[in-house]
Amino acid sequence: VEGGIAASVVVLGLMLAVATTPRLGWSCLIVALCALLHGYAHVSEASGAMLPYAGGMLLTTALLHAAGVAVALGAVKLRAPQALRLAGAGIACAGVVLLVV
């Protein structure tokens, strides 16, 4: 599972770095597979009361997504697409580190 998560970080980072825009169906499939890997990893490590754990996980996920959307919209508004591409390259590099370590 950890290797799949690291690979998904590499794939999503590379997609951002090369500014690719896949069709909606492909985008949904890629995001769904990444979400399944990440969700499975979190649930497999959960212990104790599941409701508070799941609530915290949902809230944290929503906040992280909102932050990502805000950064992307800010970069678009500032007309700084190279900043998004650089961020994607950094994310992909982090994924490679996760794969190696």
Protein backbone atom coordinates (compact mmCIF):
# COMPACT_ATOMS: atom_id res chain seq x y z
CA VAL A 1 0.00 0.00 0.00
CA GLU A 2 2.81 2.43 0.87
CA GLY A 3 4.41 1.94 -2.55
CA GLY A 4 1.08 2.69 -4.23
CA ILE A 5 0.70 5.87 -2.20
CA ALA A 6 4.22 7.00 -3.09
CA ALA A 7 3.57 6.19 -6.76
CA SER A 8 0.36 8.21 -6.67
CA VAL A 9 2.30 11.18 -5.26
CA VAL A 10 4.77 10.87 -8.15
CA VAL A 11 2.01 10.59 -10.77
CA LEU A 12 -0.03 13.52 -9.46
CA GLY A 13 3.09 15.66 -9.05
CA LEU A 14 4.22 14.90 -12.59
CA MET A 15 0.78 15.69 -13.95
CA LEU A 16 0.97 19.09 -12.29
CA ALA A 17 4.59 19.64 -13.35
CA VAL A 18 3.91 19.01 -17.03
CA ALA A 19 0.57 20.85 -16.89
CA THR A 20 -1.33 17.97 -18.43
CA THR A 21 -5.10 18.15 -18.65
CA PRO A 22 -6.51 14.64 -19.04
CA ARG A 23 -10.11 14.08 -19.98
CA LEU A 24 -12.60 14.14 -17.12
CA GLY A 25 -13.05 10.36 -17.10
CA TRP A 26 -9.32 9.74 -16.80
CA SER A 27 -9.00 12.42 -14.14
CA CYS A 28 -11.76 10.82 -12.08
CA LEU A 29 -10.19 7.38 -12.43
CA ILE A 30 -6.73 8.60 -11.37
CA VAL A 31 -8.10 10.53 -8.39
CA ALA A 32 -10.31 7.60 -7.34
CA LEU A 33 -7.40 5.14 -7.41
CA CYS A 34 -5.22 7.52 -5.40
CA ALA A 35 -8.03 8.08 -2.91
CA LEU A 36 -8.57 4.34 -2.48
CA LEU A 37 -4.88 3.77 -1.75
CA HIS A 38 -4.69 6.63 0.72
CA GLY A 39 -8.00 5.75 2.38
CA TYR A 40 -7.07 2.08 2.74
CA ALA A 41 -3.78 3.01 4.38
CA HIS A 42 -5.48 5.26 6.92
CA VAL A 43 -8.27 2.82 7.76
CA SER A 44 -5.83 -0.08 8.14
CA GLU A 45 -3.91 1.89 10.77
CA ALA A 46 -7.00 3.05 12.67
CA SER A 47 -7.72 1.68 16.10
CA GLY A 48 -10.19 2.50 18.81
CA ALA A 49 -13.27 4.61 18.22
CA MET A 50 -13.80 4.86 14.47
CA LEU A 51 -16.35 7.69 14.39
CA PRO A 52 -14.06 10.39 15.85
CA TYR A 53 -11.16 9.07 13.76
CA ALA A 54 -13.21 9.16 10.55
CA GLY A 55 -14.58 12.61 11.39
CA GLY A 56 -11.11 13.98 11.97
CA MET A 57 -9.85 12.39 8.79
CA LEU A 58 -12.72 13.87 6.75
CA LEU A 59 -12.21 17.33 8.25
CA THR A 60 -8.45 17.23 7.67
CA THR A 61 -8.92 16.01 4.10
CA ALA A 62 -11.42 18.79 3.37
CA LEU A 63 -9.06 21.43 4.78
CA LEU A 64 -6.10 20.11 2.79
CA HIS A 65 -8.14 20.09 -0.41
CA ALA A 66 -9.40 23.62 0.26
CA ALA A 67 -5.83 24.81 0.84
CA GLY A 68 -4.69 23.19 -2.42
CA VAL A 69 -7.53 24.79 -4.36
CA ALA A 70 -6.77 28.19 -2.79
CA VAL A 71 -3.09 27.94 -3.74
CA ALA A 72 -3.92 26.88 -7.30
CA LEU A 73 -6.49 29.65 -7.74
CA GLY A 74 -4.03 32.16 -6.31
CA ALA A 75 -1.35 31.05 -8.76
CA VAL A 76 -3.80 31.33 -11.65
CA LYS A 77 -4.93 34.77 -10.50
CA LEU A 78 -1.32 35.93 -10.17
CA ARG A 79 -0.64 34.42 -13.59
CA ALA A 80 2.12 32.26 -12.21
CA PRO A 81 1.64 28.87 -13.89
CA GLN A 82 5.35 28.16 -13.51
CA ALA A 83 4.84 28.22 -9.72
CA LEU A 84 2.28 25.42 -10.06
CA ARG A 85 4.64 23.48 -12.31
CA LEU A 86 7.48 23.93 -9.83
CA ALA A 87 5.23 22.77 -7.00
CA GLY A 88 4.31 19.71 -9.06
CA ALA A 89 7.97 18.92 -9.62
CA GLY A 90 8.59 19.20 -5.88
CA ILE A 91 5.65 16.92 -5.14
CA ALA A 92 6.90 14.36 -7.66
CA CYS A 93 10.38 14.48 -6.11
CA ALA A 94 8.87 13.92 -2.67
CA GLY A 95 7.07 10.88 -4.08
CA VAL A 96 10.34 9.50 -5.45
CA VAL A 97 11.93 9.95 -2.02
CA LEU A 98 9.00 8.06 -0.48
CA LEU A 99 9.52 5.23 -2.99
CA VAL A 100 13.24 5.00 -2.24
CA VAL A 101 13.19 5.34 1.54
